[in-house]
PDB file of N, CA and C in Angstrom:
ATOM      1  N   UNK A   1       0.978   7.347   8.800  1.00  0.00           N
ATOM      2  CA  UNK A   1       2.361   6.932   8.676  1.00  0.00           C
ATOM      3  C   UNK A   1       3.246   7.635   9.712  1.00  0.00           C
ATOM      4  N   UNK A   2       2.876   8.845  10.117  1.00  0.00           N
ATOM      5  CA  UNK A   2       3.721   9.550  11.076  1.00  0.00           C
ATOM      6  C   UNK A   2       3.751   8.827  12.411  1.00  0.00           C
ATOM      7  N   UNK A   3       2.654   8.134  12.744  1.00  0.00           N
ATOM      8  CA  UNK A   3       2.636   7.350  14.003  1.00  0.00           C
ATOM      9  C   UNK A   3       3.680   6.248  13.923  1.00  0.00           C
ATOM     10  N   UNK A   4       3.737   5.556  12.772  1.00  0.00           N
ATOM     11  CA  UNK A   4       4.727   4.485  12.612  1.00  0.00           C
ATOM     12  C   UNK A   4       6.143   5.031  12.654  1.00  0.00           C
ATOM     13  N   UNK A   5       6.345   6.212  12.114  1.00  0.00           N
ATOM     14  CA  UNK A   5       7.678   6.796  12.164  1.00  0.00           C
ATOM     15  C   UNK A   5       8.044   7.159  13.607  1.00  0.00           C
ATOM     16  N   UNK A   6       7.087   7.626  14.364  1.00  0.00           N
ATOM     17  CA  UNK A   6       7.346   7.921  15.777  1.00  0.00           C
ATOM     18  C   UNK A   6       7.641   6.635  16.554  1.00  0.00           C
ATOM     19  N   UNK A   7       6.894   5.574  16.259  1.00  0.00           N
ATOM     20  CA  UNK A   7       7.122   4.286  16.930  1.00  0.00           C
ATOM     21  C   UNK A   7       8.502   3.745  16.574  1.00  0.00           C
ATOM     22  N   UNK A   8       8.860   3.778  15.290  1.00  0.00           N
ATOM     23  CA  UNK A   8      10.174   3.271  14.902  1.00  0.00           C
ATOM     24  C   UNK A   8      11.286   4.158  15.471  1.00  0.00           C
ATOM     25  N   UNK A   9      11.018   5.448  15.616  1.00  0.00           N
ATOM     26  CA  UNK A   9      12.000   6.337  16.232  1.00  0.00           C
ATOM     27  C   UNK A   9      12.247   5.960  17.691  1.00  0.00           C
ATOM     28  N   UNK A  10      11.185   5.664  18.411  1.00  0.00           N
ATOM     29  CA  UNK A  10      11.326   5.232  19.810  1.00  0.00           C
ATOM     30  C   UNK A  10      12.038   3.882  19.888  1.00  0.00           C
ATOM     31  N   UNK A  11      11.678   2.969  18.997  1.00  0.00           N
ATOM     32  CA  UNK A  11      12.354   1.674  18.958  1.00  0.00           C
ATOM     33  C   UNK A  11      13.840   1.836  18.638  1.00  0.00           C
ATOM     34  N   UNK A  12      14.154   2.783  17.768  1.00  0.00           N
ATOM     35  CA  UNK A  12      15.558   3.043  17.438  1.00  0.00           C
ATOM     36  C   UNK A  12      16.351   3.443  18.677  1.00  0.00           C
ATOM     37  N   UNK A  13      15.768   4.272  19.505  1.00  0.00           N
ATOM     38  CA  UNK A  13      16.465   4.675  20.724  1.00  0.00           C
ATOM     39  C   UNK A  13      16.770   3.479  21.610  1.00  0.00           C
ATOM     40  N   UNK A  14      15.793   2.605  21.780  1.00  0.00           N
ATOM     41  CA  UNK A  14      15.973   1.418  22.621  1.00  0.00           C
ATOM     42  C   UNK A  14      16.991   0.473  21.993  1.00  0.00           C
ATOM     43  N   UNK A  15      16.782   0.134  20.723  1.00  0.00           N
ATOM     44  CA  UNK A  15      17.662  -0.836  20.061  1.00  0.00           C
ATOM     45  C   UNK A  15      19.082  -0.303  19.896  1.00  0.00           C
ATOM     46  N   UNK A  16      19.224   0.975  19.627  1.00  0.00           N
ATOM     47  CA  UNK A  16      20.558   1.560  19.525  1.00  0.00           C
ATOM     48  C   UNK A  16      21.256   1.526  20.882  1.00  0.00           C
ATOM     49  N   UNK A  17      20.510   1.794  21.931  1.00  0.00           N
ATOM     50  CA  UNK A  17      21.079   1.712  23.271  1.00  0.00           C
ATOM     51  C   UNK A  17      21.562   0.308  23.596  1.00  0.00           C
ATOM     52  N   UNK A  18      20.740  -0.691  23.300  1.00  0.00           N
ATOM     53  CA  UNK A  18      21.134  -2.083  23.528  1.00  0.00           C
ATOM     54  C   UNK A  18      22.354  -2.432  22.683  1.00  0.00           C
ATOM     55  N   UNK A  19      22.343  -2.025  21.429  1.00  0.00           N
ATOM     56  CA  UNK A  19      23.456  -2.299  20.527  1.00  0.00           C
ATOM     57  C   UNK A  19      24.750  -1.654  21.045  1.00  0.00           C
ATOM     58  N   UNK A  20      24.691  -0.409  21.446  1.00  0.00           N
ATOM     59  CA  UNK A  20      25.883   0.289  21.931  1.00  0.00           C
ATOM     60  C   UNK A  20      26.425  -0.352  23.204  1.00  0.00           C
ATOM     61  N   UNK A  21      25.546  -0.688  24.131  1.00  0.00           N
ATOM     62  CA  UNK A  21      26.000  -1.324  25.368  1.00  0.00           C
ATOM     63  C   UNK A  21      26.652  -2.663  25.054  1.00  0.00           C
ATOM     64  N   UNK A  22      25.994  -3.478  24.236  1.00  0.00           N
ATOM     65  CA  UNK A  22      26.513  -4.815  23.934  1.00  0.00           C
ATOM     66  C   UNK A  22      27.800  -4.761  23.118  1.00  0.00           C
ATOM     67  N   UNK A  23      27.911  -3.814  22.216  1.00  0.00           N
ATOM     68  CA  UNK A  23      29.080  -3.768  21.338  1.00  0.00           C
ATOM     69  C   UNK A  23      30.267  -3.007  21.933  1.00  0.00           C
ATOM     70  N   UNK A  24      30.007  -2.034  22.799  1.00  0.00           N
ATOM     71  CA  UNK A  24      31.097  -1.170  23.232  1.00  0.00           C
ATOM     72  C   UNK A  24      31.336  -1.151  24.737  1.00  0.00           C
ATOM     73  N   UNK A  25      30.299  -1.298  25.538  1.00  0.00           N
ATOM     74  CA  UNK A  25      30.481  -1.173  26.976  1.00  0.00           C
ATOM     75  C   UNK A  25      30.681  -2.508  27.677  1.00  0.00           C
ATOM     76  N   UNK A  26      30.206  -3.594  27.085  1.00  0.00           N
ATOM     77  CA  UNK A  26      30.360  -4.912  27.682  1.00  0.00           C
ATOM     78  C   UNK A  26      31.650  -5.576  27.212  1.00  0.00           C
ATOM     79  N   UNK A  27      32.094  -5.233  26.033  1.00  0.00           N
ATOM     80  CA  UNK A  27      33.325  -5.814  25.481  1.00  0.00           C
ATOM     81  C   UNK A  27      34.514  -5.397  26.351  1.00  0.00           C
ATOM     82  N   UNK A  28      35.384  -6.353  26.705  1.00  0.00           N
ATOM     83  CA  UNK A  28      36.504  -6.036  27.602  1.00  0.00           C
ATOM     84  C   UNK A  28      37.442  -4.949  27.080  1.00  0.00           C
ATOM     85  N   UNK A  29      37.665  -4.912  25.774  1.00  0.00           N
ATOM     86  CA  UNK A  29      38.590  -3.918  25.210  1.00  0.00           C
ATOM     87  C   UNK A  29      37.882  -2.630  24.797  1.00  0.00           C
ATOM     88  N   UNK A  30      36.561  -2.581  24.961  1.00  0.00           N
ATOM     89  CA  UNK A  30      35.799  -1.407  24.559  1.00  0.00           C
ATOM     90  C   UNK A  30      35.316  -1.471  23.128  1.00  0.00           C
ATOM     91  N   UNK A  31      35.825  -2.412  22.374  1.00  0.00           N
ATOM     92  CA  UNK A  31      35.414  -2.598  20.991  1.00  0.00           C
ATOM     93  C   UNK A  31      35.624  -4.063  20.632  1.00  0.00           C
ATOM     94  N   UNK A  32      34.655  -4.650  19.983  1.00  0.00           N
ATOM     95  CA  UNK A  32      34.779  -6.043  19.581  1.00  0.00           C
ATOM     96  C   UNK A  32      35.576  -6.140  18.291  1.00  0.00           C
ATOM     97  N   UNK A  33      36.512  -7.084  18.271  1.00  0.00           N
ATOM     98  CA  UNK A  33      37.249  -7.368  17.045  1.00  0.00           C
ATOM     99  C   UNK A  33      36.424  -8.315  16.192  1.00  0.00           C
ATOM    100  N   UNK A  34      36.865  -8.550  14.946  1.00  0.00           N
ATOM    101  CA  UNK A  34      36.085  -9.355  14.000  1.00  0.00           C
ATOM    102  C   UNK A  34      35.709 -10.714  14.587  1.00  0.00           C
ATOM    103  N   UNK A  35      36.630 -11.417  15.196  1.00  0.00           N
ATOM    104  CA  UNK A  35      36.331 -12.742  15.759  1.00  0.00           C
ATOM    105  C   UNK A  35      35.321 -12.635  16.896  1.00  0.00           C
ATOM    106  N   UNK A  36      35.398 -11.557  17.669  1.00  0.00           N
ATOM    107  CA  UNK A  36      34.422 -11.342  18.739  1.00  0.00           C
ATOM    108  C   UNK A  36      33.028 -11.095  18.164  1.00  0.00           C
ATOM    109  N   UNK A  37      32.969 -10.329  17.079  1.00  0.00           N
ATOM    110  CA  UNK A  37      31.681 -10.042  16.434  1.00  0.00           C
ATOM    111  C   UNK A  37      31.069 -11.317  15.864  1.00  0.00           C
ATOM    112  N   UNK A  38      31.889 -12.147  15.251  1.00  0.00           N
ATOM    113  CA  UNK A  38      31.397 -13.406  14.695  1.00  0.00           C
ATOM    114  C   UNK A  38      30.819 -14.272  15.801  1.00  0.00           C
ATOM    115  N   UNK A  39      31.537 -14.401  16.915  1.00  0.00           N
ATOM    116  CA  UNK A  39      31.046 -15.197  18.041  1.00  0.00           C
ATOM    117  C   UNK A  39      29.777 -14.576  18.630  1.00  0.00           C
ATOM    118  N   UNK A  40      29.730 -13.263  18.717  1.00  0.00           N
ATOM    119  CA  UNK A  40      28.575 -12.548  19.248  1.00  0.00           C
ATOM    120  C   UNK A  40      27.337 -12.770  18.374  1.00  0.00           C
ATOM    121  N   UNK A  41      27.506 -12.626  17.058  1.00  0.00           N
ATOM    122  CA  UNK A  41      26.374 -12.781  16.138  1.00  0.00           C
ATOM    123  C   UNK A  41      25.938 -14.234  15.968  1.00  0.00           C
ATOM    124  N   UNK A  42      26.778 -15.176  16.353  1.00  0.00           N
ATOM    125  CA  UNK A  42      26.409 -16.595  16.235  1.00  0.00           C
ATOM    126  C   UNK A  42      25.299 -16.966  17.213  1.00  0.00           C
ATOM    127  N   UNK A  43      25.107 -16.171  18.238  1.00  0.00           N
ATOM    128  CA  UNK A  43      24.002 -16.396  19.175  1.00  0.00           C
ATOM    129  C   UNK A  43      22.692 -16.060  18.457  1.00  0.00           C
ATOM    130  N   UNK A  44      21.757 -17.017  18.377  1.00  0.00           N
ATOM    131  CA  UNK A  44      20.516 -16.759  17.623  1.00  0.00           C
ATOM    132  C   UNK A  44      19.706 -15.571  18.162  1.00  0.00           C
ATOM    133  N   UNK A  45      19.732 -15.341  19.461  1.00  0.00           N
ATOM    134  CA  UNK A  45      18.993 -14.215  20.034  1.00  0.00           C
ATOM    135  C   UNK A  45      19.617 -12.884  19.611  1.00  0.00           C
ATOM    136  N   UNK A  46      20.914 -12.842  19.598  1.00  0.00           N
ATOM    137  CA  UNK A  46      21.616 -11.620  19.183  1.00  0.00           C
ATOM    138  C   UNK A  46      21.400 -11.376  17.689  1.00  0.00           C
ATOM    139  N   UNK A  47      21.479 -12.450  16.904  1.00  0.00           N
ATOM    140  CA  UNK A  47      21.237 -12.321  15.461  1.00  0.00           C
ATOM    141  C   UNK A  47      19.828 -11.777  15.215  1.00  0.00           C
ATOM    142  N   UNK A  48      18.848 -12.293  15.952  1.00  0.00           N
ATOM    143  CA  UNK A  48      17.470 -11.816  15.807  1.00  0.00           C
ATOM    144  C   UNK A  48      17.360 -10.351  16.221  1.00  0.00           C
ATOM    145  N   UNK A  49      18.015  -9.972  17.317  1.00  0.00           N
ATOM    146  CA  UNK A  49      17.972  -8.592  17.784  1.00  0.00           C
ATOM    147  C   UNK A  49      18.595  -7.635  16.761  1.00  0.00           C
ATOM    148  N   UNK A  50      19.733  -8.023  16.214  1.00  0.00           N
ATOM    149  CA  UNK A  50      20.387  -7.187  15.208  1.00  0.00           C
ATOM    150  C   UNK A  50      19.559  -7.113  13.917  1.00  0.00           C
ATOM    151  N   UNK A  51      18.865  -8.194  13.592  1.00  0.00           N
ATOM    152  CA  UNK A  51      17.995  -8.202  12.414  1.00  0.00           C
ATOM    153  C   UNK A  51      16.808  -7.261  12.617  1.00  0.00           C
ATOM    154  N   UNK A  52      16.226  -7.283  13.798  1.00  0.00           N
ATOM    155  CA  UNK A  52      15.127  -6.357  14.105  1.00  0.00           C
ATOM    156  C   UNK A  52      15.637  -4.916  14.045  1.00  0.00           C
ATOM    157  N   UNK A  53      16.813  -4.686  14.592  1.00  0.00           N
ATOM    158  CA  UNK A  53      17.426  -3.356  14.554  1.00  0.00           C
ATOM    159  C   UNK A  53      17.577  -2.880  13.108  1.00  0.00           C
ATOM    160  N   UNK A  54      18.073  -3.754  12.242  1.00  0.00           N
ATOM    161  CA  UNK A  54      18.224  -3.425  10.826  1.00  0.00           C
ATOM    162  C   UNK A  54      16.876  -3.069  10.199  1.00  0.00           C
ATOM    163  N   UNK A  55      15.861  -3.873  10.465  1.00  0.00           N
ATOM    164  CA  UNK A  55      14.531  -3.612   9.910  1.00  0.00           C
ATOM    165  C   UNK A  55      13.957  -2.288  10.374  1.00  0.00           C
ATOM    166  N   UNK A  56      14.145  -1.975  11.648  1.00  0.00           N
ATOM    167  CA  UNK A  56      13.625  -0.717  12.189  1.00  0.00           C
ATOM    168  C   UNK A  56      14.367   0.479  11.581  1.00  0.00           C
ATOM    169  N   UNK A  57      15.679   0.369  11.426  1.00  0.00           N
ATOM    170  CA  UNK A  57      16.460   1.463  10.820  1.00  0.00           C
ATOM    171  C   UNK A  57      16.006   1.708   9.385  1.00  0.00           C
ATOM    172  N   UNK A  58      15.868   0.635   8.617  1.00  0.00           N
ATOM    173  CA  UNK A  58      15.457   0.779   7.211  1.00  0.00           C
ATOM    174  C   UNK A  58      14.057   1.386   7.124  1.00  0.00           C
ATOM    175  N   UNK A  59      13.135   0.875   7.939  1.00  0.00           N
ATOM    176  CA  UNK A  59      11.758   1.369   7.916  1.00  0.00           C
ATOM    177  C   UNK A  59      11.710   2.850   8.268  1.00  0.00           C
ATOM    178  N   UNK A  60      12.379   3.222   9.348  1.00  0.00           N
ATOM    179  CA  UNK A  60      12.372   4.614   9.794  1.00  0.00           C
ATOM    180  C   UNK A  60      12.989   5.537   8.732  1.00  0.00           C
ATOM    181  N   UNK A  61      14.096   5.102   8.160  1.00  0.00           N
ATOM    182  CA  UNK A  61      14.779   5.925   7.152  1.00  0.00           C
ATOM    183  C   UNK A  61      13.923   6.121   5.905  1.00  0.00           C
ATOM    184  N   UNK A  62      13.313   5.051   5.421  1.00  0.00           N
ATOM    185  CA  UNK A  62      12.527   5.171   4.189  1.00  0.00           C
ATOM    186  C   UNK A  62      11.233   5.944   4.414  1.00  0.00           C
ATOM    187  N   UNK A  63      10.662   5.859   5.615  1.00  0.00           N
ATOM    188  CA  UNK A  63       9.493   6.692   5.905  1.00  0.00           C
ATOM    189  C   UNK A  63       9.895   8.164   5.964  1.00  0.00           C
ATOM    190  N   UNK A  64      11.105   8.437   6.433  1.00  0.00           N
ATOM    191  CA  UNK A  64      11.616   9.806   6.431  1.00  0.00           C
ATOM    192  C   UNK A  64      11.820  10.331   5.022  1.00  0.00           C
ATOM    193  N   UNK A  65      12.351   9.479   4.143  1.00  0.00           N
ATOM    194  CA  UNK A  65      12.531   9.863   2.732  1.00  0.00           C
ATOM    195  C   UNK A  65      11.171  10.184   2.112  1.00  0.00           C
ATOM    196  N   UNK A  66      10.186   9.335   2.388  1.00  0.00           N
ATOM    197  CA  UNK A  66       8.840   9.565   1.846  1.00  0.00           C
ATOM    198  C   UNK A  66       8.270  10.891   2.357  1.00  0.00           C
ATOM    199  N   UNK A  67       8.454  11.161   3.646  1.00  0.00           N
ATOM    200  CA  UNK A  67       7.931  12.408   4.227  1.00  0.00           C
ATOM    201  C   UNK A  67       8.568  13.628   3.567  1.00  0.00           C
ATOM    202  N   UNK A  68       9.856  13.554   3.309  1.00  0.00           N
ATOM    203  CA  UNK A  68      10.546  14.671   2.654  1.00  0.00           C
ATOM    204  C   UNK A  68      10.008  14.874   1.241  1.00  0.00           C
ATOM    205  N   UNK A  69       9.828  13.775   0.512  1.00  0.00           N
ATOM    206  CA  UNK A  69       9.322  13.886  -0.865  1.00  0.00           C
ATOM    207  C   UNK A  69       7.876  14.374  -0.872  1.00  0.00           C
ATOM    208  N   UNK A  70       7.074  13.971   0.122  1.00  0.00           N
ATOM    209  CA  UNK A  70       5.690  14.454   0.198  1.00  0.00           C
ATOM    210  C   UNK A  70       5.633  15.967   0.401  1.00  0.00           C
ATOM    211  N   UNK A  71       6.646  16.541   1.017  1.00  0.00           N
ATOM    212  CA  UNK A  71       6.690  17.996   1.181  1.00  0.00           C
ATOM    213  C   UNK A  71       6.780  18.728  -0.153  1.00  0.00           C
ATOM    214  N   UNK A  72       7.124  18.000  -1.210  1.00  0.00           N
ATOM    215  CA  UNK A  72       7.180  18.601  -2.538  1.00  0.00           C
ATOM    216  C   UNK A  72       5.815  18.638  -3.217  1.00  0.00           C
ATOM    217  N   UNK A  73       4.770  18.213  -2.495  1.00  0.00           N
ATOM    218  CA  UNK A  73       3.385  18.228  -2.984  1.00  0.00           C
ATOM    219  C   UNK A  73       3.221  17.402  -4.256  1.00  0.00           C
ATOM    220  N   UNK A  74       3.595  16.144  -4.187  1.00  0.00           N
ATOM    221  CA  UNK A  74       3.438  15.257  -5.339  1.00  0.00           C
ATOM    222  C   UNK A  74       1.995  14.766  -5.420  1.00  0.00           C
ATOM    223  N   UNK A  75       1.614  14.258  -6.571  1.00  0.00           N
ATOM    224  CA  UNK A  75       0.247  13.783  -6.773  1.00  0.00           C
ATOM    225  C   UNK A  75       0.034  12.453  -6.046  1.00  0.00           C
ATOM    226  N   UNK A  76      -1.241  12.059  -5.929  1.00  0.00           N
ATOM    227  CA  UNK A  76      -1.563  10.777  -5.276  1.00  0.00           C
ATOM    228  C   UNK A  76      -0.997   9.601  -6.063  1.00  0.00           C
ATOM    229  N   UNK A  77      -1.018   9.729  -7.374  1.00  0.00           N
ATOM    230  CA  UNK A  77      -0.472   8.671  -8.224  1.00  0.00           C
ATOM    231  C   UNK A  77       1.042   8.532  -8.005  1.00  0.00           C
ATOM    232  N   UNK A  78       1.717   9.673  -7.928  1.00  0.00           N
ATOM    233  CA  UNK A  78       3.160   9.652  -7.673  1.00  0.00           C
ATOM    234  C   UNK A  78       3.456   9.117  -6.270  1.00  0.00           C
ATOM    235  N   UNK A  79       2.596   9.436  -5.309  1.00  0.00           N
ATOM    236  CA  UNK A  79       2.770   8.932  -3.948  1.00  0.00           C
ATOM    237  C   UNK A  79       2.634   7.411  -3.913  1.00  0.00           C
ATOM    238  N   UNK A  80       1.672   6.893  -4.646  1.00  0.00           N
ATOM    239  CA  UNK A  80       1.486   5.444  -4.707  1.00  0.00           C
ATOM    240  C   UNK A  80       2.714   4.770  -5.323  1.00  0.00           C
ATOM    241  N   UNK A  81       3.222   5.340  -6.385  1.00  0.00           N
ATOM    242  CA  UNK A  81       4.439   4.805  -7.002  1.00  0.00           C
ATOM    243  C   UNK A  81       5.621   4.899  -6.045  1.00  0.00           C
ATOM    244  N   UNK A  82       5.733   6.021  -5.356  1.00  0.00           N
ATOM    245  CA  UNK A  82       6.804   6.216  -4.380  1.00  0.00           C
ATOM    246  C   UNK A  82       6.734   5.164  -3.280  1.00  0.00           C
ATOM    247  N   UNK A  83       5.533   4.909  -2.757  1.00  0.00           N
ATOM    248  CA  UNK A  83       5.366   3.882  -1.721  1.00  0.00           C
ATOM    249  C   UNK A  83       5.853   2.528  -2.217  1.00  0.00           C
ATOM    250  N   UNK A  84       5.454   2.177  -3.420  1.00  0.00           N
ATOM    251  CA  UNK A  84       5.846   0.876  -3.978  1.00  0.00           C
ATOM    252  C   UNK A  84       7.359   0.776  -4.161  1.00  0.00           C
ATOM    253  N   UNK A  85       7.951   1.835  -4.684  1.00  0.00           N
ATOM    254  CA  UNK A  85       9.400   1.835  -4.885  1.00  0.00           C
ATOM    255  C   UNK A  85      10.127   1.727  -3.546  1.00  0.00           C
ATOM    256  N   UNK A  86       9.673   2.485  -2.550  1.00  0.00           N
ATOM    257  CA  UNK A  86      10.327   2.445  -1.246  1.00  0.00           C
ATOM    258  C   UNK A  86      10.161   1.090  -0.559  1.00  0.00           C
ATOM    259  N   UNK A  87       9.027   0.441  -0.742  1.00  0.00           N
ATOM    260  CA  UNK A  87       8.837  -0.900  -0.184  1.00  0.00           C
ATOM    261  C   UNK A  87       9.814  -1.876  -0.832  1.00  0.00           C
ATOM    262  N   UNK A  88       9.935  -1.805  -2.142  1.00  0.00           N
ATOM    263  CA  UNK A  88      10.874  -2.691  -2.844  1.00  0.00           C
ATOM    264  C   UNK A  88      12.302  -2.414  -2.386  1.00  0.00           C
ATOM    265  N   UNK A  89      12.675  -1.144  -2.315  1.00  0.00           N
ATOM    266  CA  UNK A  89      14.018  -0.789  -1.855  1.00  0.00           C
ATOM    267  C   UNK A  89      14.245  -1.297  -0.435  1.00  0.00           C
ATOM    268  N   UNK A  90      13.263  -1.109   0.435  1.00  0.00           N
ATOM    269  CA  UNK A  90      13.376  -1.566   1.816  1.00  0.00           C
ATOM    270  C   UNK A  90      13.531  -3.074   1.924  1.00  0.00           C
ATOM    271  N   UNK A  91      12.738  -3.811   1.166  1.00  0.00           N
ATOM    272  CA  UNK A  91      12.829  -5.278   1.199  1.00  0.00           C
ATOM    273  C   UNK A  91      14.191  -5.743   0.680  1.00  0.00           C
ATOM    274  N   UNK A  92      14.653  -5.142  -0.404  1.00  0.00           N
ATOM    275  CA  UNK A  92      15.960  -5.515  -0.963  1.00  0.00           C
ATOM    276  C   UNK A  92      17.072  -5.213   0.050  1.00  0.00           C
ATOM    277  N   UNK A  93      17.038  -4.041   0.651  1.00  0.00           N
ATOM    278  CA  UNK A  93      18.050  -3.682   1.647  1.00  0.00           C
ATOM    279  C   UNK A  93      18.017  -4.629   2.841  1.00  0.00           C
ATOM    280  N   UNK A  94      16.818  -4.968   3.297  1.00  0.00           N
ATOM    281  CA  UNK A  94      16.684  -5.854   4.449  1.00  0.00           C
ATOM    282  C   UNK A  94      17.229  -7.250   4.134  1.00  0.00           C
ATOM    283  N   UNK A  95      16.841  -7.785   2.980  1.00  0.00           N
ATOM    284  CA  UNK A  95      17.324  -9.118   2.587  1.00  0.00           C
ATOM    285  C   UNK A  95      18.839  -9.112   2.458  1.00  0.00           C
ATOM    286  N   UNK A  96      19.389  -8.088   1.841  1.00  0.00           N
ATOM    287  CA  UNK A  96      20.834  -7.994   1.689  1.00  0.00           C
ATOM    288  C   UNK A  96      21.523  -7.892   3.059  1.00  0.00           C
ATOM    289  N   UNK A  97      20.981  -7.070   3.932  1.00  0.00           N
ATOM    290  CA  UNK A  97      21.567  -6.907   5.266  1.00  0.00           C
ATOM    291  C   UNK A  97      21.532  -8.182   6.082  1.00  0.00           C
ATOM    292  N   UNK A  98      20.416  -8.899   6.024  1.00  0.00           N
ATOM    293  CA  UNK A  98      20.316 -10.176   6.748  1.00  0.00           C
ATOM    294  C   UNK A  98      21.261 -11.199   6.132  1.00  0.00           C
ATOM    295  N   UNK A  99      21.372 -11.201   4.817  1.00  0.00           N
ATOM    296  CA  UNK A  99      22.282 -12.128   4.133  1.00  0.00           C
ATOM    297  C   UNK A  99      23.735 -11.875   4.561  1.00  0.00           C
ATOM    298  N   UNK A 100      24.162 -10.623   4.534  1.00  0.00           N
ATOM    299  CA  UNK A 100      25.546 -10.298   4.899  1.00  0.00           C
ATOM    300  C   UNK A 100      25.805 -10.622   6.368  1.00  0.00           C
ATOM    301  N   UNK A 101      24.873 -10.259   7.229  1.00  0.00           N
ATOM    302  CA  UNK A 101      25.040 -10.557   8.648  1.00  0.00           C
ATOM    303  C   UNK A 101      25.067 -12.065   8.883  1.00  0.00           C
ATOM    304  N   UNK A 102      24.214 -12.787   8.176  1.00  0.00           N
ATOM    305  CA  UNK A 102      24.213 -14.247   8.282  1.00  0.00           C
ATOM    306  C   UNK A 102      25.508 -14.876   7.787  1.00  0.00           C
ATOM    307  N   UNK A 103      26.078 -14.308   6.741  1.00  0.00           N
ATOM    308  CA  UNK A 103      27.363 -14.828   6.223  1.00  0.00           C
ATOM    309  C   UNK A 103      28.479 -14.608   7.251  1.00  0.00           C
ATOM    310  N   UNK A 104      28.412 -13.524   7.961  1.00  0.00           N
ATOM    311  CA  UNK A 104      29.417 -13.247   8.995  1.00  0.00           C
ATOM    312  C   UNK A 104      29.200 -14.177  10.190  1.00  0.00           C
ATOM    313  N   UNK A 105      27.945 -14.329  10.587  1.00  0.00           N
ATOM    314  CA  UNK A 105      27.646 -15.071  11.811  1.00  0.00           C
ATOM    315  C   UNK A 105      27.740 -16.578  11.642  1.00  0.00           C
ATOM    316  N   UNK A 106      27.368 -17.085  10.482  1.00  0.00           N
ATOM    317  CA  UNK A 106      27.287 -18.538  10.336  1.00  0.00           C
ATOM    318  C   UNK A 106      28.214 -18.955   9.253  1.00  0.00           C
TER     319      UNK A 106
END
């Protein structure tokens, strides 16, 4: 799992960089207003990129939570339950995030 956390960490650097450039450095005023964000997210490629960014953030964060809890030396049974709970939490967060972003964009 630590390999996946390292991969998602590297992806976070790339995706955060793209997000910051697109949201703050390319915008004429330095910051996009609500109408600008709606128009920006209406582009299917941008929506997909932001969705991937959301998935990577959630995955990286929940793997970090798991790593911290594993430092408490929990049992294998508790680890299995923890994995299942974190997967459910991650899926719910991802679906909610895509839903909200989709409501804004479309």
